[in-house]
Amino acid sequence: MKLQGAIFDFDGTLFDSMYVWDTAGADYLRGLGLEPEPNLGRTLKTMSLAQSAAYLKEKYHLKQTAEQITDGVSRTAEHAYFYDVQPKKGAKEFARRLQESGVRLCIATATDRYEIEAALARCGMGGFFPEILTCTEAGSGKDEPQIFREALRRLGTSRDDTLVFEDACHAIETAKADGFTVAAVYDAHEEKQERIRKAADFYLNDLTDFDSFRKLVSAI
C-alpha cells in the first residue's frame, strides 16, 4: 500500500475522550429533570449527534426541537474538549510523522467541529488536520459510509491508498464493507475487540510504534 491519505476518528482513536460521551446524554436529561434509562451511553455511542437527539426526543417525549437537544447534549460535553481531554499515547507524534511523510490527514467524527478544533488547538495538533468532517455535516452516522466517502473526496486521494483509523466496531465494519482499508486502534471503551480483530486489516494496540506500523502498511 502506497499510503497517501489517512482518515482518523477522533474520540477513542486520536484522543482518550470516549468517557465524555458515556454520560453526556444522561447528564442532559437529568438537567431537564428526567431519569435516563440504564446504559443510555451505550445506546447512543453508535449514533451521530443528530441521531442521538432524534432518539432522545422520541424516547423521552421532549418538547425541545432536535436542534435544541443536539446543542444541549453538545454543550454538556464541551467543557471536557476545551479543558480536559488528552491525545492518546503516541498520537501526536504519529500524526506528525504521517504528515512529514506526505500523507494527507483528515478527521471524521461524530463530535461537533468546534469541540474537536478546541481540543486539537489546546494540545498543539491543529496543524496536522486541515480537514475535519462531522457526521452532522455528512448527514449520517458511521453506520452509513457517507462520512468516509466525503472524507476521501476532501483528501483527494485514492481509496486504495487511503487508510481509515477507527476504534469503534460498527464504524470499522462500515468502512470495510465500503471497500476501505482499516487500521483498528484499541480503546478500552469498545468491548468487541475480537470482532474488530477479524474485521480490520491492521490492529494497533496504541499509536506509539510508527516504524512498525509503516512496515506493515508497506507490505500490502
Protein backbone atom coordinates (compact mmCIF):
# COMPACT_ATOMS: atom_id res chain seq x y z
CA MET A 1 0.00 0.00 0.00
CA LYS A 2 1.38 3.39 -1.01
CA LEU A 3 -0.16 5.38 1.80
CA GLN A 4 -1.32 8.81 0.60
CA GLY A 5 -4.29 9.62 2.83
CA ALA A 6 -5.43 8.91 6.40
CA ILE A 7 -8.94 9.35 7.79
CA PHE A 8 -8.90 9.45 11.60
CA ASP A 9 -11.76 9.06 14.00
CA PHE A 10 -11.27 11.39 16.99
CA ASP A 11 -12.86 10.01 20.17
CA GLY A 12 -11.16 6.80 21.25
CA THR A 13 -8.77 6.78 18.30
CA LEU A 14 -6.77 10.00 18.45
CA PHE A 15 -7.95 11.24 21.86
CA ASP A 16 -8.82 9.46 25.08
CA SER A 17 -12.24 11.07 25.21
CA MET A 18 -14.89 8.36 24.97
CA TYR A 19 -15.63 8.81 28.67
CA VAL A 20 -17.18 12.19 27.84
CA TRP A 21 -19.98 10.55 25.87
CA ASP A 22 -20.64 7.83 28.44
CA THR A 23 -22.66 10.35 30.44
CA ALA A 24 -23.37 13.37 28.18
CA GLY A 25 -26.86 12.26 27.13
CA ALA A 26 -27.79 11.15 30.62
CA ASP A 27 -26.48 14.39 32.13
CA TYR A 28 -28.52 16.40 29.65
CA LEU A 29 -31.70 14.53 30.59
CA ARG A 30 -31.04 14.93 34.29
CA GLY A 31 -30.64 18.65 33.67
CA LEU A 32 -34.22 18.55 32.39
CA GLY A 33 -35.39 16.71 35.50
CA LEU A 34 -35.67 13.33 33.76
CA GLU A 35 -34.15 10.00 34.76
CA PRO A 36 -32.26 8.33 31.87
CA GLU A 37 -32.52 4.64 31.07
CA PRO A 38 -29.67 2.40 32.24
CA ASN A 39 -26.75 2.23 29.79
CA LEU A 40 -28.00 5.17 27.74
CA GLY A 41 -24.41 5.98 26.77
CA ARG A 42 -24.05 2.54 25.19
CA THR A 43 -27.24 3.08 23.19
CA LEU A 44 -26.10 6.47 21.89
CA LYS A 45 -22.46 5.59 21.16
CA THR A 46 -23.13 4.35 17.62
CA MET A 47 -25.20 7.42 16.71
CA SER A 48 -24.36 10.84 15.34
CA LEU A 49 -25.40 13.82 17.45
CA ALA A 50 -28.41 14.34 15.20
CA GLN A 51 -29.45 10.70 15.55
CA SER A 52 -28.95 10.88 19.31
CA ALA A 53 -31.14 13.96 19.51
CA ALA A 54 -33.89 12.26 17.50
CA TYR A 55 -33.70 9.23 19.78
CA LEU A 56 -33.89 11.31 22.97
CA LYS A 57 -36.76 13.41 21.63
CA GLU A 58 -38.85 10.37 20.75
CA LYS A 59 -37.90 8.18 23.71
CA TYR A 60 -38.39 10.86 26.37
CA HIS A 61 -41.12 12.88 24.61
CA LEU A 62 -39.06 16.05 24.80
CA LYS A 63 -40.66 19.33 23.84
CA GLN A 64 -37.32 20.75 22.68
CA THR A 65 -36.53 20.73 18.97
CA ALA A 66 -33.95 18.26 17.66
CA GLU A 67 -31.58 21.19 17.15
CA GLN A 68 -32.01 22.35 20.75
CA ILE A 69 -31.38 18.82 22.02
CA THR A 70 -28.26 18.46 19.88
CA ASP A 71 -26.96 21.77 21.18
CA GLY A 72 -27.79 20.85 24.78
CA VAL A 73 -26.01 17.48 24.68
CA SER A 74 -23.00 19.01 22.94
CA ARG A 75 -22.71 21.82 25.47
CA THR A 76 -22.89 19.29 28.29
CA ALA A 77 -19.71 17.75 26.86
CA GLU A 78 -17.89 20.83 25.60
CA HIS A 79 -16.03 21.69 28.83
CA ALA A 80 -14.04 18.46 28.51
CA TYR A 81 -12.89 19.31 24.98
CA PHE A 82 -11.92 22.84 25.89
CA TYR A 83 -10.03 21.94 29.07
CA ASP A 84 -9.57 18.24 29.79
CA VAL A 85 -9.37 15.58 27.08
CA GLN A 86 -5.88 14.48 26.05
CA PRO A 87 -4.37 12.75 23.00
CA LYS A 88 -3.91 9.02 23.26
CA LYS A 89 -0.36 7.89 23.90
CA GLY A 90 1.77 8.44 20.81
CA ALA A 91 -0.98 10.13 18.79
CA LYS A 92 0.71 13.49 18.33
CA GLU A 93 3.99 12.00 17.14
CA PHE A 94 2.15 9.51 14.94
CA ALA A 95 0.24 12.30 13.19
CA ARG A 96 3.38 14.39 12.83
CA ARG A 97 5.31 11.58 11.18
CA LEU A 98 2.46 10.79 8.81
CA GLN A 99 2.32 14.44 7.77
CA GLU A 100 6.09 14.60 7.32
CA SER A 101 5.82 11.52 5.10
CA GLY A 102 3.49 13.42 2.79
CA VAL A 103 0.30 11.70 3.93
CA ARG A 104 -2.83 13.89 3.83
CA LEU A 105 -4.78 13.77 7.10
CA CYS A 106 -8.45 14.22 7.84
CA ILE A 107 -10.66 13.75 10.90
CA ALA A 108 -14.09 12.13 10.52
CA THR A 109 -16.04 12.38 13.77
CA ALA A 110 -19.48 12.34 15.37
CA THR A 111 -18.44 15.18 17.70
CA ASP A 112 -19.09 18.85 16.89
CA ARG A 113 -16.38 20.61 14.91
CA TYR A 114 -15.81 23.41 17.42
CA GLU A 115 -15.09 20.92 20.19
CA ILE A 116 -12.62 18.98 18.05
CA GLU A 117 -10.87 22.18 16.99
CA ALA A 118 -10.62 23.34 20.61
CA ALA A 119 -9.03 20.08 21.77
CA LEU A 120 -6.59 19.93 18.84
CA ALA A 121 -5.52 23.54 19.32
CA ARG A 122 -5.05 23.12 23.08
CA CYS A 123 -2.83 20.07 22.53
CA GLY A 124 -0.80 21.54 19.66
CA MET A 125 -2.24 19.26 16.99
CA GLY A 126 -4.39 21.59 14.92
CA GLY A 127 -1.80 21.91 12.15
CA PHE A 128 -1.88 18.19 11.40
CA PHE A 129 -5.54 18.07 10.36
CA PRO A 130 -6.54 20.70 7.79
CA GLU A 131 -9.76 18.76 7.13
CA ILE A 132 -12.35 17.98 9.80
CA LEU A 133 -15.65 16.38 8.81
CA THR A 134 -18.51 15.68 11.21
CA CYS A 135 -21.35 13.20 10.95
CA THR A 136 -23.77 16.12 11.10
CA GLU A 137 -22.13 17.64 8.03
CA ALA A 138 -22.08 14.28 6.25
CA GLY A 139 -25.75 13.72 7.02
CA SER A 140 -25.44 10.34 8.74
CA GLY A 141 -23.69 8.42 11.49
CA LYS A 142 -20.93 5.90 10.98
CA ASP A 143 -23.45 3.13 10.49
CA GLU A 144 -23.50 4.51 6.93
CA PRO A 145 -20.42 5.10 4.71
CA GLN A 146 -21.14 8.69 3.64
CA ILE A 147 -18.72 10.30 6.07
CA PHE A 148 -15.84 8.12 4.90
CA ARG A 149 -16.66 8.77 1.25
CA GLU A 150 -16.80 12.52 1.78
CA ALA A 151 -13.56 12.49 3.78
CA LEU A 152 -11.91 10.64 0.90
CA ARG A 153 -13.21 13.20 -1.57
CA ARG A 154 -11.82 16.06 0.51
CA LEU A 155 -8.43 14.38 0.80
CA GLY A 156 -8.29 13.88 -2.95
CA THR A 157 -6.55 10.52 -2.57
CA SER A 158 -7.50 7.15 -4.00
CA ARG A 159 -9.37 4.63 -1.88
CA ASP A 160 -6.61 2.06 -2.45
CA ASP A 161 -4.02 4.42 -0.94
CA THR A 162 -6.12 5.74 1.96
CA LEU A 163 -6.33 4.22 5.44
CA VAL A 164 -9.18 4.66 7.92
CA PHE A 165 -8.20 4.71 11.62
CA GLU A 166 -11.07 3.73 13.95
CA ASP A 167 -11.69 2.28 17.40
CA ALA A 168 -15.42 1.52 17.17
CA CYS A 169 -16.58 -1.83 15.84
CA HIS A 170 -19.61 -0.51 13.95
CA ALA A 171 -17.52 2.18 12.20
CA ILE A 172 -14.78 -0.30 11.30
CA GLU A 173 -17.32 -2.66 9.78
CA THR A 174 -18.99 0.15 7.85
CA ALA A 175 -15.70 1.35 6.36
CA LYS A 176 -14.59 -2.20 5.50
CA ALA A 177 -17.92 -3.02 3.84
CA ASP A 178 -17.48 0.08 1.67
CA GLY A 179 -14.07 -1.04 0.45
CA PHE A 180 -11.73 0.93 2.71
CA THR A 181 -8.57 -0.42 4.30
CA VAL A 182 -8.92 -0.04 8.07
CA ALA A 183 -6.49 0.19 10.97
CA ALA A 184 -8.23 -0.56 14.26
CA VAL A 185 -6.89 1.32 17.29
CA TYR A 186 -7.56 -0.27 20.68
CA ASP A 187 -9.71 1.64 23.12
CA ALA A 188 -10.90 0.23 26.44
CA HIS A 189 -14.41 1.61 25.93
CA GLU A 190 -15.02 -0.72 22.97
CA GLU A 191 -15.91 -4.23 24.12
CA LYS A 192 -15.96 -6.03 20.74
CA GLN A 193 -12.22 -6.49 20.36
CA GLU A 194 -12.27 -9.99 18.86
CA ARG A 195 -14.81 -8.92 16.27
CA ILE A 196 -12.66 -5.88 15.49
CA ARG A 197 -9.54 -8.01 15.03
CA LYS A 198 -11.36 -10.11 12.46
CA ALA A 199 -12.79 -7.13 10.58
CA ALA A 200 -9.81 -4.76 10.43
CA ASP A 201 -6.78 -5.01 8.15
CA PHE A 202 -4.46 -3.83 10.94
CA TYR A 203 -4.85 -3.88 14.71
CA LEU A 204 -2.87 -1.33 16.72
CA ASN A 205 -2.66 -1.64 20.49
CA ASP A 206 -1.67 2.02 20.56
CA LEU A 207 -0.07 4.68 18.35
CA THR A 208 3.43 4.55 19.79
CA ASP A 209 5.28 2.40 17.22
CA PHE A 210 5.13 4.32 13.97
CA ASP A 211 8.02 2.47 12.34
CA SER A 212 6.43 -0.95 12.80
CA PHE A 213 3.10 0.39 11.54
CA ARG A 214 4.72 1.80 8.41
CA LYS A 215 6.39 -1.52 7.65
CA LEU A 216 3.07 -3.34 7.96
CA VAL A 217 1.33 -0.92 5.62
CA SER A 218 4.14 -1.01 3.07
CA ALA A 219 3.90 -4.79 2.93
CA ILE A 220 0.47 -4.80 1.27
